[in-house]
Protein backbone atom coordinates (compact mmCIF):
# COMPACT_ATOMS: atom_id res chain seq x y z
CA UNK A 1 153.41 -44.40 -17.05
CA UNK A 2 151.97 -40.74 -17.02
CA UNK A 3 148.46 -41.87 -18.11
CA UNK A 4 145.87 -43.96 -15.78
CA UNK A 5 144.34 -46.76 -17.30
CA UNK A 6 140.91 -46.80 -16.78
CA UNK A 7 138.71 -50.21 -15.68
CA UNK A 8 136.53 -51.78 -18.57
CA UNK A 9 133.30 -50.46 -18.56
CA UNK A 10 131.37 -53.10 -16.75
CA UNK A 11 127.82 -54.53 -18.03
CA UNK A 12 124.66 -53.53 -16.17
CA UNK A 13 122.76 -56.70 -17.06
CA UNK A 14 123.10 -59.82 -14.84
CA UNK A 15 123.12 -63.04 -16.53
CA UNK A 16 121.63 -65.52 -14.24
CA UNK A 17 120.91 -69.26 -14.49
CA UNK A 18 118.10 -69.95 -12.58
CA UNK A 19 115.02 -67.99 -13.14
CA UNK A 20 113.71 -66.26 -10.25
CA UNK A 21 109.96 -66.14 -9.09
CA UNK A 22 109.37 -62.61 -9.97
CA UNK A 23 110.66 -62.77 -13.66
CA UNK A 24 108.83 -61.91 -16.52
CA UNK A 25 108.52 -63.32 -19.78
CA UNK A 26 110.15 -61.52 -23.32
CA UNK A 27 108.28 -63.14 -26.06
CA UNK A 28 109.90 -63.13 -29.41
CA UNK A 29 107.26 -62.21 -32.40
CA UNK A 30 108.06 -62.78 -36.05
CA UNK A 31 106.94 -59.99 -38.31
CA UNK A 32 103.06 -60.23 -39.09
CA UNK A 33 102.72 -63.54 -37.00
CA UNK A 34 99.56 -62.79 -34.85
CA UNK A 35 99.44 -66.68 -33.72
CA UNK A 36 101.11 -64.93 -29.97
CA UNK A 37 98.05 -63.06 -29.24
CA UNK A 38 95.60 -65.86 -30.19
CA UNK A 39 94.65 -66.83 -26.55
CA UNK A 40 95.61 -63.23 -24.93
CA UNK A 41 92.86 -60.44 -25.98
CA UNK A 42 94.43 -58.02 -23.57
CA UNK A 43 97.93 -58.41 -25.38
CA UNK A 44 96.02 -58.21 -28.91
CA UNK A 45 94.22 -55.36 -28.06
CA UNK A 46 97.28 -53.64 -27.09
CA UNK A 47 99.37 -54.80 -29.53
CA UNK A 48 96.49 -53.43 -31.97
CA UNK A 49 96.63 -49.93 -30.40
CA UNK A 50 100.31 -49.66 -30.35
CA UNK A 51 100.82 -50.78 -33.94
CA UNK A 52 102.95 -53.55 -32.99
CA UNK A 53 103.45 -56.01 -35.92
CA UNK A 54 106.37 -57.96 -34.67
CA UNK A 55 108.68 -55.67 -36.98
CA UNK A 56 112.59 -56.49 -36.31
CA UNK A 57 113.43 -54.42 -32.84
CA UNK A 58 109.85 -53.08 -32.10
CA UNK A 59 108.88 -53.60 -28.46
CA UNK A 60 105.64 -53.81 -26.89
CA UNK A 61 105.45 -53.49 -23.17
CA UNK A 62 101.76 -55.11 -21.73
CA UNK A 63 100.59 -54.03 -18.50
CA UNK A 64 98.83 -56.01 -15.84
CA UNK A 65 95.24 -54.55 -14.62
CA UNK A 66 97.08 -52.52 -11.87
CA UNK A 67 99.41 -50.77 -14.47
CA UNK A 68 102.90 -52.89 -13.61
CA UNK A 69 104.57 -54.53 -16.55
CA UNK A 70 103.15 -58.17 -17.14
CA UNK A 71 105.32 -59.03 -20.25
CA UNK A 72 107.17 -57.76 -23.04
CA UNK A 73 107.13 -58.99 -26.86
CA UNK A 74 109.87 -58.04 -29.07
CA UNK A 75 109.62 -58.02 -32.89
CA UNK A 76 111.89 -60.23 -34.48
CA UNK A 77 111.42 -59.86 -37.77
CA UNK A 78 112.44 -62.69 -40.27
CA UNK A 79 114.63 -63.97 -37.45
CA UNK A 80 118.30 -63.02 -39.54
CA UNK A 81 119.17 -59.93 -37.27
CA UNK A 82 119.66 -60.99 -33.99
CA UNK A 83 121.51 -57.79 -33.12
CA UNK A 84 118.07 -56.07 -33.52
CA UNK A 85 117.45 -56.91 -30.11
CA UNK A 86 119.87 -54.02 -28.93
CA UNK A 87 117.46 -51.58 -28.22
CA UNK A 88 115.47 -53.95 -25.57
CA UNK A 89 117.97 -52.93 -22.68
CA UNK A 90 116.91 -48.96 -22.93
CA UNK A 91 113.21 -49.83 -22.38
CA UNK A 92 113.26 -52.52 -20.25
CA UNK A 93 112.35 -51.78 -16.74
CA UNK A 94 114.70 -52.83 -13.71
CA UNK A 95 114.12 -56.23 -12.33
CA UNK A 96 114.40 -59.80 -13.67
CA UNK A 97 113.57 -61.29 -16.87
CA UNK A 98 113.11 -64.36 -19.45
CA UNK A 99 113.06 -65.32 -22.69
CA UNK A 100 110.40 -67.30 -24.37
CA UNK A 101 110.57 -69.33 -27.60
CA UNK A 102 114.42 -68.89 -28.35
CA UNK A 103 115.88 -69.62 -31.46
CA UNK A 104 118.42 -72.40 -31.46
CA UNK A 105 122.20 -70.93 -31.34
CA UNK A 106 120.85 -68.17 -28.96
CA UNK A 107 124.02 -66.84 -27.99
CA UNK A 108 124.58 -63.47 -30.45
CA UNK A 109 120.90 -62.65 -29.18
CA UNK A 110 121.90 -62.28 -25.71
CA UNK A 111 125.48 -60.69 -26.83
CA UNK A 112 123.44 -58.31 -29.00
CA UNK A 113 121.04 -57.29 -26.01
CA UNK A 114 124.40 -56.87 -23.65
CA UNK A 115 126.40 -54.68 -26.53
CA UNK A 116 123.41 -52.49 -26.57
CA UNK A 117 123.47 -51.56 -23.16
CA UNK A 118 126.94 -50.36 -23.39
CA UNK A 119 127.67 -46.53 -22.78
CA UNK A 120 131.06 -44.81 -22.33
CA UNK A 121 130.75 -43.01 -19.21
CA UNK A 122 134.40 -42.40 -17.84
CA UNK A 123 133.80 -38.48 -18.12
CA UNK A 124 130.08 -38.47 -17.48
CA UNK A 125 128.34 -38.03 -14.26
CA UNK A 126 126.11 -40.67 -14.18
CA UNK A 127 124.01 -41.91 -11.00
CA UNK A 128 121.40 -44.82 -10.46
CA UNK A 129 122.27 -46.99 -13.41
CA UNK A 130 119.28 -49.34 -13.97
CA UNK A 131 119.91 -52.91 -13.33
CA UNK A 132 118.31 -55.66 -15.56
CA UNK A 133 118.61 -59.34 -14.74
CA UNK A 134 118.16 -62.10 -17.70
CA UNK A 135 118.05 -65.78 -17.31
CA UNK A 136 120.11 -67.71 -19.79
CA UNK A 137 118.88 -71.17 -20.85
CA UNK A 138 121.02 -74.15 -20.18
CA UNK A 139 122.43 -74.57 -23.42
CA UNK A 140 123.85 -71.01 -23.52
CA UNK A 141 127.72 -70.53 -22.35
CA UNK A 142 127.53 -68.25 -19.68
CA UNK A 143 131.40 -67.87 -19.40
CA UNK A 144 131.47 -67.76 -23.44
CA UNK A 145 129.11 -64.79 -23.49
CA UNK A 146 130.69 -62.77 -20.41
CA UNK A 147 133.81 -63.41 -22.56
CA UNK A 148 132.51 -61.88 -25.61
CA UNK A 149 130.85 -59.03 -23.62
CA UNK A 150 133.62 -57.86 -21.89
CA UNK A 151 136.07 -58.14 -24.59
CA UNK A 152 133.88 -55.60 -26.80
CA UNK A 153 133.56 -53.40 -24.04
CA UNK A 154 137.17 -53.58 -23.82
CA UNK A 155 138.02 -52.65 -27.05
CA UNK A 156 135.35 -49.89 -27.19
CA UNK A 157 136.67 -48.13 -24.20
CA UNK A 158 140.24 -48.20 -25.60
CA UNK A 159 139.10 -46.68 -28.95
CA UNK A 160 136.71 -44.27 -27.15
CA UNK A 161 139.06 -43.01 -24.71
CA UNK A 162 140.79 -39.49 -26.23
CA UNK A 163 144.29 -39.33 -26.81
CA UNK A 164 145.21 -37.20 -23.79
CA UNK A 165 144.45 -40.40 -22.15
CA UNK A 166 145.49 -43.39 -24.70
CA UNK A 167 149.12 -42.30 -25.45
CA UNK A 168 151.39 -45.09 -26.70
CA UNK A 169 152.75 -45.22 -23.03
CA UNK A 170 149.10 -46.01 -22.01
CA UNK A 171 148.34 -48.59 -24.99
CA UNK A 172 151.71 -50.05 -23.51
CA UNK A 173 150.33 -50.59 -20.09
CA UNK A 174 146.98 -52.01 -21.44
CA UNK A 175 149.11 -54.37 -22.82
CA UNK A 176 151.26 -55.31 -19.87
CA UNK A 177 147.58 -55.35 -17.82
CA UNK A 178 146.88 -58.12 -20.18
CA UNK A 179 150.03 -59.48 -19.38
CA UNK A 180 149.69 -59.65 -15.87
CA UNK A 181 145.75 -61.32 -16.12
CA UNK A 182 147.16 -64.00 -18.45
CA UNK A 183 150.71 -64.75 -17.39
CA UNK A 184 152.07 -63.57 -20.46
CA UNK A 185 155.69 -61.83 -21.07
CA UNK A 186 155.25 -58.54 -22.09
CA UNK A 187 158.42 -56.29 -23.42
CA UNK A 188 158.96 -53.32 -24.84
CA UNK A 189 161.33 -51.16 -27.51
CA UNK A 190 161.10 -47.67 -27.35
CA UNK A 191 162.61 -44.22 -28.11
CA UNK A 192 166.09 -44.05 -30.06
CA UNK A 193 166.39 -47.74 -28.97
CA UNK A 194 164.12 -48.80 -31.57
CA UNK A 195 166.79 -47.40 -34.11
CA UNK A 196 169.58 -49.54 -32.16
CA UNK A 197 167.42 -52.60 -32.70
CA UNK A 198 166.40 -51.68 -36.29
CA UNK A 199 162.42 -50.54 -36.03
CA UNK A 200 163.43 -47.23 -38.08
CA UNK A 201 159.83 -46.20 -39.90
CA UNK A 202 158.41 -47.01 -36.36
CA UNK A 203 160.74 -44.32 -34.56
CA UNK A 204 160.66 -41.85 -37.78
CA UNK A 205 156.67 -41.67 -37.66
CA UNK A 206 156.52 -41.54 -33.94
CA UNK A 207 159.63 -39.41 -33.11
CA UNK A 208 157.62 -35.75 -33.06
CA UNK A 209 155.38 -37.10 -30.37
CA UNK A 210 155.54 -35.80 -27.16
CA UNK A 211 155.17 -39.51 -25.77
CA UNK A 212 158.00 -41.82 -27.10
CA UNK A 213 157.15 -44.24 -30.16
CA UNK A 214 157.45 -48.10 -29.27
CA UNK A 215 156.85 -51.74 -30.27
CA UNK A 216 155.25 -54.12 -27.69
CA UNK A 217 155.67 -57.50 -27.83
CA UNK A 218 153.17 -60.02 -25.94
CA UNK A 219 154.15 -63.82 -25.80
CA UNK A 220 152.16 -65.89 -24.45
CA UNK A 221 151.15 -69.89 -24.82
CA UNK A 222 153.06 -73.55 -25.18
CA UNK A 223 155.88 -73.39 -28.07
CA UNK A 224 154.59 -76.34 -29.58
CA UNK A 225 151.04 -75.04 -30.28
CA UNK A 226 150.56 -73.24 -33.64
CA UNK A 227 151.99 -70.00 -33.86
CA UNK A 228 149.82 -67.41 -34.26
CA UNK A 229 150.89 -63.38 -34.34
CA UNK A 230 148.79 -60.17 -34.27
CA UNK A 231 150.10 -57.56 -35.36
CA UNK A 232 147.76 -53.78 -35.08
CA UNK A 233 148.35 -50.47 -36.03
CA UNK A 234 148.65 -48.09 -32.48
CA UNK A 235 148.66 -44.85 -33.95
CA UNK A 236 147.47 -42.68 -30.78
CA UNK A 237 146.42 -39.65 -32.71
CA UNK A 238 147.26 -38.99 -36.60
CA UNK A 239 147.03 -35.52 -37.77
CA UNK A 240 148.32 -36.22 -40.73
CA UNK A 241 152.18 -35.11 -39.91
CA UNK A 242 153.63 -32.29 -42.26
CA UNK A 243 151.09 -33.13 -44.53
CA UNK A 244 148.35 -31.95 -42.20
CA UNK A 245 144.84 -33.17 -42.21
CA UNK A 246 141.87 -30.80 -42.28
CA UNK A 247 140.35 -29.87 -38.98
CA UNK A 248 137.06 -32.19 -39.66
CA UNK A 249 139.80 -35.24 -40.98
CA UNK A 250 141.26 -35.22 -37.21
CA UNK A 251 138.03 -35.17 -35.29
CA UNK A 252 138.18 -38.80 -35.10
CA UNK A 253 141.64 -39.47 -35.25
CA UNK A 254 142.07 -40.68 -31.52
CA UNK A 255 140.57 -43.79 -33.30
CA UNK A 256 143.43 -44.44 -35.13
CA UNK A 257 144.80 -47.09 -32.70
CA UNK A 258 141.75 -48.93 -33.56
CA UNK A 259 143.79 -51.75 -34.97
CA UNK A 260 145.44 -52.07 -31.82
CA UNK A 261 142.62 -52.29 -29.74
CA UNK A 262 141.38 -55.02 -31.86
CA UNK A 263 144.08 -57.46 -31.95
CA UNK A 264 144.35 -56.59 -28.35
CA UNK A 265 140.86 -57.81 -27.68
CA UNK A 266 141.45 -60.62 -29.79
CA UNK A 267 144.48 -61.59 -27.84
CA UNK A 268 142.33 -61.15 -24.75
CA UNK A 269 139.65 -63.71 -26.26
CA UNK A 270 142.54 -66.14 -26.87
CA UNK A 271 144.07 -66.19 -23.53
CA UNK A 272 140.90 -66.32 -21.85
CA UNK A 273 139.40 -69.50 -23.63
CA UNK A 274 143.02 -70.90 -22.90
CA UNK A 275 143.06 -71.98 -26.73
CA UNK A 276 145.75 -74.09 -27.62
CA UNK A 277 147.91 -71.67 -29.39
CA UNK A 278 151.14 -69.91 -29.38
CA UNK A 279 150.26 -66.60 -29.33
CA UNK A 280 152.20 -63.32 -30.13
CA UNK A 281 150.68 -59.74 -30.06
CA UNK A 282 153.06 -56.94 -31.82
CA UNK A 283 151.86 -53.29 -31.50
CA UNK A 284 154.04 -50.71 -32.78
CA UNK A 285 152.93 -47.53 -30.75
CA UNK A 286 152.74 -43.86 -31.68
CA UNK A 287 151.66 -40.45 -32.25
CA UNK A 288 151.77 -38.82 -35.45
CA UNK A 289 152.60 -35.54 -34.86
CA UNK A 290 154.53 -32.48 -36.15
CA UNK A 291 157.49 -30.94 -34.52
CA UNK A 292 161.22 -29.68 -35.97
CA UNK A 293 161.97 -33.34 -36.27
CA UNK A 294 158.99 -34.83 -37.93
CA UNK A 295 159.55 -36.88 -41.19
CA UNK A 296 159.03 -35.27 -44.45
CA UNK A 297 157.61 -35.96 -47.59
CA UNK A 298 160.14 -36.98 -50.21
CA UNK A 299 162.13 -38.43 -47.19
CA UNK A 300 163.30 -41.80 -47.90
CA UNK A 301 163.22 -44.00 -44.86
CA UNK A 302 165.11 -47.77 -44.64
CA UNK A 303 162.89 -50.23 -43.40
CA UNK A 304 163.68 -53.32 -41.01
CA UNK A 305 163.36 -55.53 -44.09
CA UNK A 306 165.86 -53.74 -45.71
CA UNK A 307 163.29 -52.17 -47.89
CA UNK A 308 163.71 -48.57 -48.41
CA UNK A 309 160.43 -46.03 -48.61
CA UNK A 310 159.97 -43.02 -50.44
CA UNK A 311 157.65 -40.77 -48.47
CA UNK A 312 154.94 -39.53 -51.13
CA UNK A 313 152.63 -38.44 -47.87
CA UNK A 314 153.25 -38.65 -44.26
CA UNK A 315 149.95 -39.08 -43.47
CA UNK A 316 149.86 -42.87 -44.96
CA UNK A 317 152.09 -43.51 -41.70
CA UNK A 318 150.29 -46.26 -40.33
CA UNK A 319 151.46 -48.80 -43.17
CA UNK A 320 154.90 -47.59 -42.11
CA UNK A 321 154.83 -48.74 -39.00
CA UNK A 322 152.92 -51.83 -40.03
CA UNK A 323 155.93 -52.66 -42.26
CA UNK A 324 158.70 -53.09 -39.52
CA UNK A 325 156.39 -54.56 -36.93
CA UNK A 326 155.16 -57.45 -39.71
CA UNK A 327 158.74 -57.62 -40.76
CA UNK A 328 159.53 -58.51 -36.97
CA UNK A 329 156.82 -61.14 -36.56
CA UNK A 330 157.25 -62.55 -40.12
CA UNK A 331 160.94 -63.41 -39.15
CA UNK A 332 159.70 -66.17 -36.72
CA UNK A 333 157.69 -67.83 -39.63
CA UNK A 334 153.99 -68.14 -37.67
CA UNK A 335 151.55 -70.31 -38.93
CA UNK A 336 149.31 -67.44 -39.13
CA UNK A 337 149.97 -63.54 -39.01
CA UNK A 338 147.12 -61.53 -38.86
CA UNK A 339 147.15 -57.44 -39.03
CA UNK A 340 144.16 -55.10 -38.47
CA UNK A 341 144.67 -51.67 -39.00
CA UNK A 342 142.24 -48.17 -39.28
CA UNK A 343 144.28 -47.77 -42.70
CA UNK A 344 142.57 -46.24 -45.45
CA UNK A 345 139.40 -44.19 -46.32
CA UNK A 346 139.14 -46.40 -49.58
CA UNK A 347 138.07 -49.17 -47.72
CA UNK A 348 135.01 -46.98 -46.35
CA UNK A 349 134.08 -45.62 -49.78
CA UNK A 350 134.23 -49.20 -50.97
CA UNK A 351 132.67 -50.96 -48.25
CA UNK A 352 131.18 -48.52 -45.88
CA UNK A 353 132.21 -48.62 -42.07
CA UNK A 354 130.25 -51.63 -41.38
CA UNK A 355 132.03 -54.11 -43.58
CA UNK A 356 135.58 -54.33 -43.58
CA UNK A 357 137.60 -55.28 -46.42
CA UNK A 358 140.54 -57.99 -45.72
CA UNK A 359 143.44 -59.43 -48.23
CA UNK A 360 144.72 -62.74 -47.45
CA UNK A 361 147.75 -65.06 -49.32
CA UNK A 362 145.97 -68.24 -48.92
CA UNK A 363 142.74 -68.37 -50.94
CA UNK A 364 141.34 -71.71 -48.88
CA UNK A 365 141.92 -69.41 -45.47
CA UNK A 366 140.01 -66.45 -47.18
CA UNK A 367 137.32 -68.61 -47.74
CA UNK A 368 136.94 -69.51 -44.40
CA UNK A 369 137.16 -66.38 -43.15
CA UNK A 370 134.35 -65.04 -45.59
CA UNK A 371 131.95 -67.70 -44.55
CA UNK A 372 132.47 -67.71 -40.65
CA UNK A 373 132.14 -64.13 -40.41
CA UNK A 374 128.97 -63.95 -42.41
CA UNK A 375 127.52 -66.88 -40.20
CA UNK A 376 128.12 -65.01 -36.67
CA UNK A 377 127.12 -61.79 -38.05
CA UNK A 378 130.74 -60.29 -38.04
CA UNK A 379 131.07 -59.42 -41.73
CA UNK A 380 134.18 -59.32 -43.81
CA UNK A 381 134.57 -59.10 -47.12
CA UNK A 382 137.67 -60.38 -49.22
CA UNK A 383 139.00 -57.91 -51.85
CA UNK A 384 142.09 -59.07 -54.05
CA UNK A 385 145.55 -58.41 -53.65
CA UNK A 386 145.60 -57.39 -57.03
CA UNK A 387 149.46 -57.44 -58.17
CA UNK A 388 148.90 -55.25 -61.82
CA UNK A 389 148.45 -52.37 -59.34
CA UNK A 390 152.01 -53.11 -57.81
CA UNK A 391 153.66 -50.92 -60.10
CA UNK A 392 151.61 -47.94 -58.72
CA UNK A 393 153.82 -47.78 -55.48
CA UNK A 394 156.94 -47.55 -57.59
CA UNK A 395 159.46 -44.87 -56.92
CA UNK A 396 162.27 -43.38 -58.97
CA UNK A 397 164.35 -43.04 -56.11
CA UNK A 398 163.48 -45.81 -53.51
CA UNK A 399 162.61 -49.54 -53.78
CA UNK A 400 159.06 -48.35 -53.12
CA UNK A 401 156.50 -45.37 -52.32
CA UNK A 402 154.12 -45.55 -49.63
CA UNK A 403 151.36 -43.86 -51.66
CA UNK A 404 150.27 -44.07 -55.52
CA UNK A 405 150.09 -41.19 -57.85
CA UNK A 406 146.39 -41.49 -58.96
CA UNK A 407 144.36 -42.48 -55.86
CA UNK A 408 142.63 -45.43 -57.31
CA UNK A 409 142.22 -49.23 -55.64
CA UNK A 410 143.62 -47.03 -52.37
CA UNK A 411 143.01 -50.36 -49.67
CA UNK A 412 144.29 -52.73 -52.12
CA UNK A 413 147.88 -50.96 -52.98
CA UNK A 414 147.87 -50.51 -49.18
CA UNK A 415 147.69 -54.13 -48.83
CA UNK A 416 150.12 -54.99 -51.58
CA UNK A 417 152.56 -52.26 -49.79
CA UNK A 418 152.11 -54.32 -46.69
CA UNK A 419 152.63 -57.65 -48.40
CA UNK A 420 155.97 -56.58 -49.18
CA UNK A 421 156.99 -57.29 -45.85
CA UNK A 422 155.78 -60.84 -45.36
CA UNK A 423 157.04 -63.90 -47.02
CA UNK A 424 157.78 -66.33 -44.45
CA UNK A 425 154.47 -66.65 -42.74
CA UNK A 426 152.51 -69.75 -43.33
CA UNK A 427 148.98 -67.40 -43.69
CA UNK A 428 148.74 -64.07 -43.77
CA UNK A 429 145.67 -61.53 -43.72
CA UNK A 430 145.43 -57.97 -43.46
CA UNK A 431 142.19 -56.34 -42.19
CA UNK A 432 141.48 -52.78 -43.04
CA UNK A 433 139.02 -51.78 -40.52
CA UNK A 434 137.17 -48.50 -39.42
CA UNK A 435 136.96 -49.53 -35.85
CA UNK A 436 133.74 -46.72 -35.38
CA UNK A 437 130.13 -47.00 -35.50
CA UNK A 438 129.30 -43.43 -37.14
CA UNK A 439 125.47 -43.96 -36.96
CA UNK A 440 123.66 -45.71 -34.14
CA UNK A 441 122.58 -48.91 -34.58
CA UNK A 442 120.37 -51.27 -31.96
CA UNK A 443 123.82 -53.04 -30.75
CA UNK A 444 126.14 -50.60 -31.29
CA UNK A 445 126.16 -46.96 -30.12
CA UNK A 446 127.98 -44.41 -31.90
CA UNK A 447 131.83 -44.80 -30.97
CA UNK A 448 134.61 -47.33 -30.80
CA UNK A 449 133.75 -50.56 -32.29
CA UNK A 450 135.36 -54.65 -32.19
CA UNK A 451 135.30 -55.56 -35.86
CA UNK A 452 136.47 -59.06 -37.05
CA UNK A 453 137.56 -60.64 -33.85
CA UNK A 454 134.77 -62.59 -32.56
CA UNK A 455 134.94 -64.13 -36.43
CA UNK A 456 138.85 -64.92 -36.27
CA UNK A 457 138.26 -66.00 -32.53
CA UNK A 458 135.75 -68.40 -33.98
CA UNK A 459 138.24 -69.72 -36.81
CA UNK A 460 141.31 -69.81 -34.15
CA UNK A 461 139.05 -71.96 -31.83
CA UNK A 462 138.93 -74.55 -34.85
CA UNK A 463 142.76 -74.92 -35.20
């Protein structure tokens, strides 16, 4: 491999199971709830002077008489947005802390605190990182919390890494590292072997890149357990190909492997938790670049499934590599086949960056995904596989086109395109994620983001 895989960004918060004698309290306060100050006149005066009302995310640091920190009040609003606590790490002084008056099922509260501490610093000189120690209550699973934090940081790191250090071979090395960590089997088909082993669209999209395209295949778990196959779009960079993007359109295209990063994160959760699942992870990894051998608008490509695809636009490359990968995974007839991809701008127009749409061939599973995702604040929103739109993908010279001509319902038609390559999996769902936080929020700094994988992990734990 020509690039070095960086270690996962460490969490600067240490979670302890026993409270130290130097621990200071953090007190959650509901909006306009003054009862917490009824017996503490100093805190009441301090709150009034600082206009602290308990608004969600507001922080009040109360000093002792000698000027050192005595306690911290944290505005919790109506209690519905536990991730608003993400601001707290930046404002807490270094030291030992514990929470008082915690709500039930507070794991997400501690997760939000940790997620707000993340900083991608691979290319920065940073010294003297602040260290915070937080006492966990006995009912919080420390191992599960650490698993969720580390996996989110893993996904963020992968997406945040620029393409010069995150090419198809680096994506492969990251998957191989997962294999080594969890005793999984990893194989790779790359270069012209993709043609020999019938991945023609992966080869066509990636052959112009400086690093050979590849299909990476990880397998883990007992063959007798439910078969769960994850497929992720691994476009290390998307120039748009010969239908080249604008300069502004390319600025974030290092994140076009966000689907791969997220299914890698989900696979990590599954294996780390030792879920009783026969897991398979398939990532087609390419760079959609430009050279003399780049695929062209108007080309007709044959797919692994045998369907022919007319290229209406080389910038709709993600669905091409996913089609071959989905057909490959579908051949095994998995019980669950999930794919994730930073696929369409239409999804962002419809639902914005925070709520990825998904599509499912099983209404019952779709309802479960919707419900669980909202319950654990990892939102996903189901859109329909609207069959009448299928004709928009028709071609006069091939079985289908990779784009429509009118621009309507772009996320739906992309999902319908992918569905043509899945017919044997018992349950299939496609997630059109953004994989990026464009405007900073308390637990979500600007940059790469894990989306939907906590929800899917929660569902798979229930299998």
